[in-house]
Amino acid sequence: MLQSRREKIAEMIQADRVLKVSDLMRQFDVSIETIRRDLEYLEKQGLLTRVYGGAVLNQKKGKEPLYEQREIKHYAEKAAIAQRAVELIEDGDVLGIDIGTTAREFAKALIGKKKVIVLTNSMPIAEILSEDENIRVIMLGGEVRKGEFSVSGFVAEQVMSRFNLDKYILGIGGLTVENGITDYHIEETNLRRVMLERSQKVIGLTDYSKFGVIAMNEVCPLSRLDVLITDSRADRMIIGKMHTMKTEVIQIEAPGEQPDMEQ
């Protein structure tokens, strides 16, 4: 009940940008102290800022960039990360592939390389991989999220719970030591958790821009990643922490990339 209420409040702040404590008390039928604790918790997650009588959206970390915007940002890094990830795949693997632009680059890089079975909730990824006769694609059902071209929800979670994965290619919305892997959409986060539970090995893919970002929902702790593939500009402090967790971190240099000397 506590977690579901906080997730609902997080959705409301995304939609309305401003919330009043009095409105939340009436909607959830709880005390002012309870709502204040909820808002304090969400403020610590970086999702909102508390103000007198309520809260306002923290737009710096609370809002997901549009798919089209993400598709063109850091393209060289994403393509290089994807190419390296394909090297970890073996013929016969059963793969789960997340949604998102880096996962899409992975799917493109996989074409013609391996004979695998793929489960995904991404419509663009299913379309890309269906062109390869050596890749069997299982599209998870569910409610369509139009802006992301993906499906999620109860149906997708139930279908996924019946499969076992050798490897799961996990997209990342945000990554910090304190909050672990985070993302923006509650129902897709729930599906990710099911895929994590069904996976023997988890491979996270992200460029440097997601380091230090806190998105709305916690997906898993950093220690759940078996492998993280990123670029040479990723935050060195976070990379160091991940080494202590025994996560294998692979850093690549994208074509034309200049290492960030300020970190």
C-alpha atoms as a PDB file:
ATOM      1  CA  MET A   1       0.000   0.000   0.000  1.00  0.00           C
ATOM      2  CA  LEU A   2       2.808   2.382   0.938  1.00  0.00           C
ATOM      3  CA  GLN A   3       4.758   1.744  -2.277  1.00  0.00           C
ATOM      4  CA  SER A   4       1.675   1.857  -4.510  1.00  0.00           C
ATOM      5  CA  ARG A   5       0.608   5.192  -2.980  1.00  0.00           C
ATOM      6  CA  ARG A   6       4.044   6.693  -3.553  1.00  0.00           C
ATOM      7  CA  GLU A   7       4.122   5.397  -7.129  1.00  0.00           C
ATOM      8  CA  LYS A   8       0.714   6.996  -7.735  1.00  0.00           C
ATOM      9  CA  ILE A   9       1.909  10.311  -6.281  1.00  0.00           C
ATOM     10  CA  ALA A  10       4.974  10.114  -8.554  1.00  0.00           C
ATOM     11  CA  GLU A  11       2.669   9.624 -11.562  1.00  0.00           C
ATOM     12  CA  MET A  12       0.509  12.559 -10.457  1.00  0.00           C
ATOM     13  CA  ILE A  13       3.437  14.968 -10.113  1.00  0.00           C
ATOM     14  CA  GLN A  14       4.557  13.991 -13.615  1.00  0.00           C
ATOM     15  CA  ALA A  15       1.122  14.732 -15.032  1.00  0.00           C
ATOM     16  CA  ASP A  16       0.123  17.792 -13.009  1.00  0.00           C
ATOM     17  CA  ARG A  17       3.550  19.283 -12.132  1.00  0.00           C
ATOM     18  CA  VAL A  18       2.078  20.759  -8.914  1.00  0.00           C
ATOM     19  CA  LEU A  19       0.397  18.893  -6.033  1.00  0.00           C
ATOM     20  CA  LYS A  20      -1.321  20.102  -2.880  1.00  0.00           C
ATOM     21  CA  VAL A  21      -1.020  18.228   0.413  1.00  0.00           C
ATOM     22  CA  SER A  22      -4.718  18.755   1.130  1.00  0.00           C
ATOM     23  CA  ASP A  23      -5.715  17.159  -2.191  1.00  0.00           C
ATOM     24  CA  LEU A  24      -3.474  14.164  -1.562  1.00  0.00           C
ATOM     25  CA  MET A  25      -4.893  13.686   1.946  1.00  0.00           C
ATOM     26  CA  ARG A  26      -8.420  13.542   0.537  1.00  0.00           C
ATOM     27  CA  GLN A  27      -7.548  11.263  -2.384  1.00  0.00           C
ATOM     28  CA  PHE A  28      -5.671   8.677  -0.318  1.00  0.00           C
ATOM     29  CA  ASP A  29      -7.577   9.174   2.958  1.00  0.00           C
ATOM     30  CA  VAL A  30      -4.417   9.472   5.049  1.00  0.00           C
ATOM     31  CA  SER A  31      -3.039  11.980   7.539  1.00  0.00           C
ATOM     32  CA  ILE A  32      -0.993  15.067   6.777  1.00  0.00           C
ATOM     33  CA  GLU A  33       2.017  13.417   8.417  1.00  0.00           C
ATOM     34  CA  THR A  34       1.763  10.435   6.056  1.00  0.00           C
ATOM     35  CA  ILE A  35       1.641  12.665   2.970  1.00  0.00           C
ATOM     36  CA  ARG A  36       4.560  14.716   4.233  1.00  0.00           C
ATOM     37  CA  ARG A  37       6.627  11.543   4.666  1.00  0.00           C
ATOM     38  CA  ASP A  38       5.674  10.446   1.139  1.00  0.00           C
ATOM     39  CA  LEU A  39       6.726  13.794  -0.326  1.00  0.00           C
ATOM     40  CA  GLU A  40       9.942  13.773   1.670  1.00  0.00           C
ATOM     41  CA  TYR A  41      10.760  10.304   0.308  1.00  0.00           C
ATOM     42  CA  LEU A  42      10.039  11.339  -3.300  1.00  0.00           C
ATOM     43  CA  GLU A  43      12.077  14.513  -2.846  1.00  0.00           C
ATOM     44  CA  LYS A  44      15.062  12.380  -1.800  1.00  0.00           C
ATOM     45  CA  GLN A  45      14.598  10.393  -5.012  1.00  0.00           C
ATOM     46  CA  GLY A  46      15.002  13.640  -6.951  1.00  0.00           C
ATOM     47  CA  LEU A  47      11.465  13.576  -8.373  1.00  0.00           C
ATOM     48  CA  LEU A  48       9.997  16.680  -6.761  1.00  0.00           C
ATOM     49  CA  THR A  49      10.689  19.675  -4.553  1.00  0.00           C
ATOM     50  CA  ARG A  50       8.560  20.272  -1.495  1.00  0.00           C
ATOM     51  CA  VAL A  51       7.048  23.740  -1.136  1.00  0.00           C
ATOM     52  CA  TYR A  52       4.631  25.280   1.350  1.00  0.00           C
ATOM     53  CA  GLY A  53       1.399  23.267   1.192  1.00  0.00           C
ATOM     54  CA  GLY A  54       2.546  20.811  -1.465  1.00  0.00           C
ATOM     55  CA  ALA A  55       5.212  19.957  -4.036  1.00  0.00           C
ATOM     56  CA  VAL A  56       6.365  20.827  -7.554  1.00  0.00           C
ATOM     57  CA  LEU A  57       7.929  18.642 -10.249  1.00  0.00           C
ATOM     58  CA  ASN A  58      11.715  18.459 -10.328  1.00  0.00           C
ATOM     59  CA  GLN A  59      11.997  18.759 -14.107  1.00  0.00           C
ATOM     60  CA  LYS A  60      15.759  18.231 -14.228  1.00  0.00           C
ATOM     61  CA  LYS A  61      15.525  14.589 -13.208  1.00  0.00           C
ATOM     62  CA  GLY A  62      11.846  13.726 -13.245  1.00  0.00           C
ATOM     63  CA  LYS A  63      10.930  13.905 -16.900  1.00  0.00           C
ATOM     64  CA  GLU A  64      11.730  11.317 -19.546  1.00  0.00           C
ATOM     65  CA  PRO A  65      13.146  12.678 -22.822  1.00  0.00           C
ATOM     66  CA  LEU A  66      11.088  11.926 -25.925  1.00  0.00           C
ATOM     67  CA  TYR A  67      12.024   8.759 -27.843  1.00  0.00           C
ATOM     68  CA  GLU A  68      12.889  10.790 -30.941  1.00  0.00           C
ATOM     69  CA  GLN A  69      15.204  13.043 -28.919  1.00  0.00           C
ATOM     70  CA  ARG A  70      16.966  10.084 -27.293  1.00  0.00           C
ATOM     71  CA  GLU A  71      17.362   8.343 -30.655  1.00  0.00           C
ATOM     72  CA  ILE A  72      19.731  11.006 -32.026  1.00  0.00           C
ATOM     73  CA  LYS A  73      21.620  11.827 -28.805  1.00  0.00           C
ATOM     74  CA  HIS A  74      24.992  10.105 -28.244  1.00  0.00           C
ATOM     75  CA  TYR A  75      24.398   7.917 -31.284  1.00  0.00           C
ATOM     76  CA  ALA A  76      28.069   6.984 -31.781  1.00  0.00           C
ATOM     77  CA  GLU A  77      28.383   5.834 -28.172  1.00  0.00           C
ATOM     78  CA  LYS A  78      25.200   3.779 -28.341  1.00  0.00           C
ATOM     79  CA  ALA A  79      26.211   2.071 -31.574  1.00  0.00           C
ATOM     80  CA  ALA A  80      29.673   1.185 -30.218  1.00  0.00           C
ATOM     81  CA  ILE A  81      28.207  -0.106 -26.937  1.00  0.00           C
ATOM     82  CA  ALA A  82      25.746  -2.257 -28.893  1.00  0.00           C
ATOM     83  CA  GLN A  83      28.470  -3.756 -31.062  1.00  0.00           C
ATOM     84  CA  ARG A  84      30.461  -4.745 -27.979  1.00  0.00           C
ATOM     85  CA  ALA A  85      27.394  -6.278 -26.335  1.00  0.00           C
ATOM     86  CA  VAL A  86      26.791  -8.580 -29.301  1.00  0.00           C
ATOM     87  CA  GLU A  87      30.203 -10.134 -28.635  1.00  0.00           C
ATOM     88  CA  LEU A  88      28.818 -11.497 -25.346  1.00  0.00           C
ATOM     89  CA  ILE A  89      25.986 -13.370 -27.075  1.00  0.00           C
ATOM     90  CA  GLU A  90      26.263 -17.051 -28.052  1.00  0.00           C
ATOM     91  CA  ASP A  91      24.323 -19.116 -30.562  1.00  0.00           C
ATOM     92  CA  GLY A  92      21.328 -20.719 -28.878  1.00  0.00           C
ATOM     93  CA  ASP A  93      20.900 -18.003 -26.258  1.00  0.00           C
ATOM     94  CA  VAL A  94      17.411 -17.031 -25.142  1.00  0.00           C
ATOM     95  CA  LEU A  95      17.564 -13.253 -24.840  1.00  0.00           C
ATOM     96  CA  GLY A  96      15.350 -10.634 -23.265  1.00  0.00           C
ATOM     97  CA  ILE A  97      15.797  -7.226 -24.906  1.00  0.00           C
ATOM     98  CA  ASP A  98      14.571  -4.069 -23.208  1.00  0.00           C
ATOM     99  CA  ILE A  99      12.993  -1.064 -24.892  1.00  0.00           C
ATOM    100  CA  GLY A 100      14.900   2.106 -25.689  1.00  0.00           C
ATOM    101  CA  THR A 101      17.323   3.501 -28.213  1.00  0.00           C
ATOM    102  CA  THR A 102      20.482   1.709 -27.037  1.00  0.00           C
ATOM    103  CA  ALA A 103      18.638  -1.618 -26.986  1.00  0.00           C
ATOM    104  CA  ARG A 104      17.457  -0.848 -30.508  1.00  0.00           C
ATOM    105  CA  GLU A 105      21.066  -0.373 -31.613  1.00  0.00           C
ATOM    106  CA  PHE A 106      21.864  -3.723 -30.031  1.00  0.00           C
ATOM    107  CA  ALA A 107      19.098  -5.363 -32.069  1.00  0.00           C
ATOM    108  CA  LYS A 108      20.458  -3.821 -35.280  1.00  0.00           C
ATOM    109  CA  ALA A 109      23.968  -5.051 -34.432  1.00  0.00           C
ATOM    110  CA  LEU A 110      22.641  -8.559 -33.744  1.00  0.00           C
ATOM    111  CA  ILE A 111      21.323  -9.009 -37.298  1.00  0.00           C
ATOM    112  CA  GLY A 112      23.253 -11.674 -39.195  1.00  0.00           C
ATOM    113  CA  LYS A 113      25.502 -12.460 -36.231  1.00  0.00           C
ATOM    114  CA  LYS A 114      23.805 -15.060 -34.025  1.00  0.00           C
ATOM    115  CA  LYS A 115      21.091 -17.706 -34.004  1.00  0.00           C
ATOM    116  CA  VAL A 116      19.001 -16.850 -30.930  1.00  0.00           C
ATOM    117  CA  ILE A 117      15.510 -16.571 -29.493  1.00  0.00           C
ATOM    118  CA  VAL A 118      14.472 -13.060 -28.440  1.00  0.00           C
ATOM    119  CA  LEU A 119      11.691 -11.927 -26.127  1.00  0.00           C
ATOM    120  CA  THR A 120      10.960  -8.209 -26.178  1.00  0.00           C
ATOM    121  CA  ASN A 121       8.252  -5.652 -25.443  1.00  0.00           C
ATOM    122  CA  SER A 122       9.645  -3.215 -28.020  1.00  0.00           C
ATOM    123  CA  MET A 123       7.778  -3.003 -31.327  1.00  0.00           C
ATOM    124  CA  PRO A 124      10.718  -1.434 -33.235  1.00  0.00           C
ATOM    125  CA  ILE A 125      13.078  -4.149 -31.975  1.00  0.00           C
ATOM    126  CA  ALA A 126      10.648  -6.933 -32.912  1.00  0.00           C
ATOM    127  CA  GLU A 127      10.324  -5.439 -36.393  1.00  0.00           C
ATOM    128  CA  ILE A 128      14.100  -5.153 -36.858  1.00  0.00           C
ATOM    129  CA  LEU A 129      14.840  -8.706 -35.724  1.00  0.00           C
ATOM    130  CA  SER A 130      11.986 -10.285 -37.687  1.00  0.00           C
ATOM    131  CA  GLU A 131      14.034  -9.674 -40.850  1.00  0.00           C
ATOM    132  CA  ASP A 132      16.648 -12.245 -39.726  1.00  0.00           C
ATOM    133  CA  GLU A 133      15.578 -15.845 -40.412  1.00  0.00           C
ATOM    134  CA  ASN A 134      18.000 -17.107 -37.732  1.00  0.00           C
ATOM    135  CA  ILE A 135      16.350 -15.062 -34.964  1.00  0.00           C
ATOM    136  CA  ARG A 136      13.065 -16.238 -33.503  1.00  0.00           C
ATOM    137  CA  VAL A 137      11.145 -13.285 -32.042  1.00  0.00           C
ATOM    138  CA  ILE A 138       8.525 -13.555 -29.291  1.00  0.00           C
ATOM    139  CA  MET A 139       6.653 -10.279 -28.820  1.00  0.00           C
ATOM    140  CA  LEU A 140       5.207  -9.831 -25.348  1.00  0.00           C
ATOM    141  CA  GLY A 141       1.582  -8.712 -25.323  1.00  0.00           C
ATOM    142  CA  GLY A 142       0.120  -5.900 -23.273  1.00  0.00           C
ATOM    143  CA  GLU A 143      -0.998  -2.286 -23.391  1.00  0.00           C
ATOM    144  CA  VAL A 144       0.712  -0.154 -26.032  1.00  0.00           C
ATOM    145  CA  ARG A 145       2.650   2.887 -24.846  1.00  0.00           C
ATOM    146  CA  LYS A 146       2.428   4.913 -28.017  1.00  0.00           C
ATOM    147  CA  GLY A 147       5.217   7.434 -27.478  1.00  0.00           C
ATOM    148  CA  GLU A 148       7.715   4.686 -26.683  1.00  0.00           C
ATOM    149  CA  PHE A 149       6.397   2.116 -29.213  1.00  0.00           C
ATOM    150  CA  SER A 150       6.349  -0.561 -26.505  1.00  0.00           C
ATOM    151  CA  VAL A 151       3.931  -2.775 -24.590  1.00  0.00           C
ATOM    152  CA  SER A 152       3.721  -3.328 -20.847  1.00  0.00           C
ATOM    153  CA  GLY A 153       1.292  -4.099 -18.058  1.00  0.00           C
ATOM    154  CA  PHE A 154      -0.226  -7.208 -16.476  1.00  0.00           C
ATOM    155  CA  VAL A 155      -0.475  -9.245 -19.690  1.00  0.00           C
ATOM    156  CA  ALA A 156       3.191  -8.705 -20.590  1.00  0.00           C
ATOM    157  CA  GLU A 157       4.288  -9.544 -17.039  1.00  0.00           C
ATOM    158  CA  GLN A 158       2.247 -12.764 -17.013  1.00  0.00           C
ATOM    159  CA  VAL A 159       3.635 -13.905 -20.365  1.00  0.00           C
ATOM    160  CA  MET A 160       7.214 -13.088 -19.344  1.00  0.00           C
ATOM    161  CA  SER A 161       6.876 -15.007 -16.076  1.00  0.00           C
ATOM    162  CA  ARG A 162       6.557 -18.254 -18.088  1.00  0.00           C
ATOM    163  CA  PHE A 163       9.954 -17.941 -19.784  1.00  0.00           C
ATOM    164  CA  ASN A 164      13.575 -18.321 -18.682  1.00  0.00           C
ATOM    165  CA  LEU A 165      16.286 -16.095 -20.138  1.00  0.00           C
ATOM    166  CA  ASP A 166      19.968 -16.814 -20.596  1.00  0.00           C
ATOM    167  CA  LYS A 167      20.767 -13.111 -20.887  1.00  0.00           C
ATOM    168  CA  TYR A 168      18.788  -9.899 -20.420  1.00  0.00           C
ATOM    169  CA  ILE A 169      19.835  -6.734 -22.265  1.00  0.00           C
ATOM    170  CA  LEU A 170      18.762  -3.999 -19.869  1.00  0.00           C
ATOM    171  CA  GLY A 171      18.306  -0.381 -20.932  1.00  0.00           C
ATOM    172  CA  ILE A 172      18.991   2.276 -18.309  1.00  0.00           C
ATOM    173  CA  GLY A 173      17.207   5.560 -17.668  1.00  0.00           C
ATOM    174  CA  GLY A 174      19.366   6.598 -14.719  1.00  0.00           C
ATOM    175  CA  LEU A 175      22.220   5.185 -12.672  1.00  0.00           C
ATOM    176  CA  THR A 176      23.530   6.201  -9.245  1.00  0.00           C
ATOM    177  CA  VAL A 177      25.240   4.373  -6.395  1.00  0.00           C
ATOM    178  CA  GLU A 178      22.488   5.276  -3.917  1.00  0.00           C
ATOM    179  CA  ASN A 179      19.446   4.561  -6.099  1.00  0.00           C
ATOM    180  CA  GLY A 180      20.853   1.918  -8.422  1.00  0.00           C
ATOM    181  CA  ILE A 181      19.230   1.510 -11.844  1.00  0.00           C
ATOM    182  CA  THR A 182      16.166   3.712 -12.304  1.00  0.00           C
ATOM    183  CA  ASP A 183      13.673   4.394 -15.054  1.00  0.00           C
ATOM    184  CA  TYR A 184      10.637   6.543 -15.788  1.00  0.00           C
ATOM    185  CA  HIS A 185       7.553   4.433 -16.476  1.00  0.00           C
ATOM    186  CA  ILE A 186       6.032   2.418 -13.626  1.00  0.00           C
ATOM    187  CA  GLU A 187       4.490  -0.412 -15.684  1.00  0.00           C
ATOM    188  CA  GLU A 188       7.632  -0.894 -17.762  1.00  0.00           C
ATOM    189  CA  THR A 189       9.658  -0.924 -14.551  1.00  0.00           C
ATOM    190  CA  ASN A 190       7.445  -3.707 -13.221  1.00  0.00           C
ATOM    191  CA  LEU A 191       8.031  -5.710 -16.410  1.00  0.00           C
ATOM    192  CA  ARG A 192      11.771  -5.141 -16.111  1.00  0.00           C
ATOM    193  CA  ARG A 193      11.682  -6.606 -12.604  1.00  0.00           C
ATOM    194  CA  VAL A 194      10.022  -9.760 -13.932  1.00  0.00           C
ATOM    195  CA  MET A 195      12.629 -10.065 -16.678  1.00  0.00           C
ATOM    196  CA  LEU A 196      15.388  -9.616 -14.109  1.00  0.00           C
ATOM    197  CA  GLU A 197      13.920 -12.431 -12.013  1.00  0.00           C
ATOM    198  CA  ARG A 198      13.843 -14.756 -15.033  1.00  0.00           C
ATOM    199  CA  SER A 199      17.402 -13.993 -16.210  1.00  0.00           C
ATOM    200  CA  GLN A 200      20.612 -15.889 -15.536  1.00  0.00           C
ATOM    201  CA  LYS A 201      22.822 -12.990 -16.653  1.00  0.00           C
ATOM    202  CA  VAL A 202      22.014  -9.280 -16.813  1.00  0.00           C
ATOM    203  CA  ILE A 203      23.890  -7.005 -19.229  1.00  0.00           C
ATOM    204  CA  GLY A 204      23.265  -3.287 -18.774  1.00  0.00           C
ATOM    205  CA  LEU A 205      23.855  -0.887 -21.671  1.00  0.00           C
ATOM    206  CA  THR A 206      24.188   2.875 -21.237  1.00  0.00           C
ATOM    207  CA  ASP A 207      26.232   5.828 -22.392  1.00  0.00           C
ATOM    208  CA  TYR A 208      27.842   8.249 -19.939  1.00  0.00           C
ATOM    209  CA  SER A 209      24.900  10.686 -19.921  1.00  0.00           C
ATOM    210  CA  LYS A 210      22.783   8.394 -17.698  1.00  0.00           C
ATOM    211  CA  PHE A 211      25.334   8.339 -14.866  1.00  0.00           C
ATOM    212  CA  GLY A 212      24.212  10.473 -11.924  1.00  0.00           C
ATOM    213  CA  VAL A 213      20.615  10.659 -13.191  1.00  0.00           C
ATOM    214  CA  ILE A 214      17.754   9.591 -10.910  1.00  0.00           C
ATOM    215  CA  ALA A 215      14.613   8.609 -12.801  1.00  0.00           C
ATOM    216  CA  MET A 216      11.199   8.037 -11.227  1.00  0.00           C
ATOM    217  CA  ASN A 217      11.239   4.307 -10.431  1.00  0.00           C
ATOM    218  CA  GLU A 218      13.875   2.060  -8.909  1.00  0.00           C
ATOM    219  CA  VAL A 219      14.493  -0.978 -11.123  1.00  0.00           C
ATOM    220  CA  CYS A 220      17.280  -2.804  -9.278  1.00  0.00           C
ATOM    221  CA  PRO A 221      20.481  -2.203  -7.299  1.00  0.00           C
ATOM    222  CA  LEU A 222      23.729  -1.844  -9.240  1.00  0.00           C
ATOM    223  CA  SER A 223      24.894  -5.167  -7.825  1.00  0.00           C
ATOM    224  CA  ARG A 224      22.212  -6.970  -9.881  1.00  0.00           C
ATOM    225  CA  LEU A 225      24.168  -6.219 -13.056  1.00  0.00           C
ATOM    226  CA  ASP A 226      26.572  -8.942 -14.105  1.00  0.00           C
ATOM    227  CA  VAL A 227      28.015  -6.759 -16.853  1.00  0.00           C
ATOM    228  CA  LEU A 228      27.786  -3.034 -17.609  1.00  0.00           C
ATOM    229  CA  ILE A 229      28.875  -1.767 -21.022  1.00  0.00           C
ATOM    230  CA  THR A 230      29.392   1.970 -21.274  1.00  0.00           C
ATOM    231  CA  ASP A 231      31.767   4.496 -22.835  1.00  0.00           C
ATOM    232  CA  SER A 232      35.025   6.009 -21.640  1.00  0.00           C
ATOM    233  CA  ARG A 233      33.378   9.182 -20.322  1.00  0.00           C
ATOM    234  CA  ALA A 234      31.316   7.385 -17.675  1.00  0.00           C
ATOM    235  CA  ASP A 235      31.624   8.652 -14.097  1.00  0.00           C
ATOM    236  CA  ARG A 236      34.803   7.185 -12.594  1.00  0.00           C
ATOM    237  CA  MET A 237      33.542   7.179  -9.011  1.00  0.00           C
ATOM    238  CA  ILE A 238      30.465   5.126  -9.907  1.00  0.00           C
ATOM    239  CA  ILE A 239      32.548   2.773 -12.051  1.00  0.00           C
ATOM    240  CA  GLY A 240      34.893   2.261  -9.097  1.00  0.00           C
ATOM    241  CA  LYS A 241      31.984   1.398  -6.807  1.00  0.00           C
ATOM    242  CA  MET A 242      30.701  -1.123  -9.320  1.00  0.00           C
ATOM    243  CA  HIS A 243      34.069  -2.853  -9.419  1.00  0.00           C
ATOM    244  CA  THR A 244      33.759  -3.440  -5.662  1.00  0.00           C
ATOM    245  CA  MET A 245      30.377  -5.085  -6.320  1.00  0.00           C
ATOM    246  CA  LYS A 246      32.131  -7.526  -8.676  1.00  0.00           C
ATOM    247  CA  THR A 247      30.206  -6.226 -11.668  1.00  0.00           C
ATOM    248  CA  GLU A 248      32.228  -6.536 -14.874  1.00  0.00           C
ATOM    249  CA  VAL A 249      32.467  -3.052 -16.390  1.00  0.00           C
ATOM    250  CA  ILE A 250      33.411  -2.770 -20.063  1.00  0.00           C
ATOM    251  CA  GLN A 251      34.239   0.737 -21.294  1.00  0.00           C
ATOM    252  CA  ILE A 252      34.545   1.414 -24.998  1.00  0.00           C
ATOM    253  CA  GLU A 253      35.536   4.448 -27.051  1.00  0.00           C
ATOM    254  CA  ALA A 254      33.099   5.471 -29.731  1.00  0.00           C
ATOM    255  CA  PRO A 255      34.511   6.608 -33.095  1.00  0.00           C
ATOM    256  CA  GLY A 256      35.656  10.213 -32.710  1.00  0.00           C
ATOM    257  CA  GLU A 257      35.039  10.191 -28.964  1.00  0.00           C
ATOM    258  CA  GLN A 258      37.349  12.261 -26.793  1.00  0.00           C
ATOM    259  CA  PRO A 259      37.809  11.063 -23.212  1.00  0.00           C
ATOM    260  CA  ASP A 260      36.364  13.438 -20.605  1.00  0.00           C
ATOM    261  CA  MET A 261      39.343  14.780 -18.668  1.00  0.00           C
ATOM    262  CA  GLU A 262      37.241  16.626 -16.084  1.00  0.00           C
ATOM    263  CA  GLN A 263      36.084  13.538 -14.215  1.00  0.00           C
END
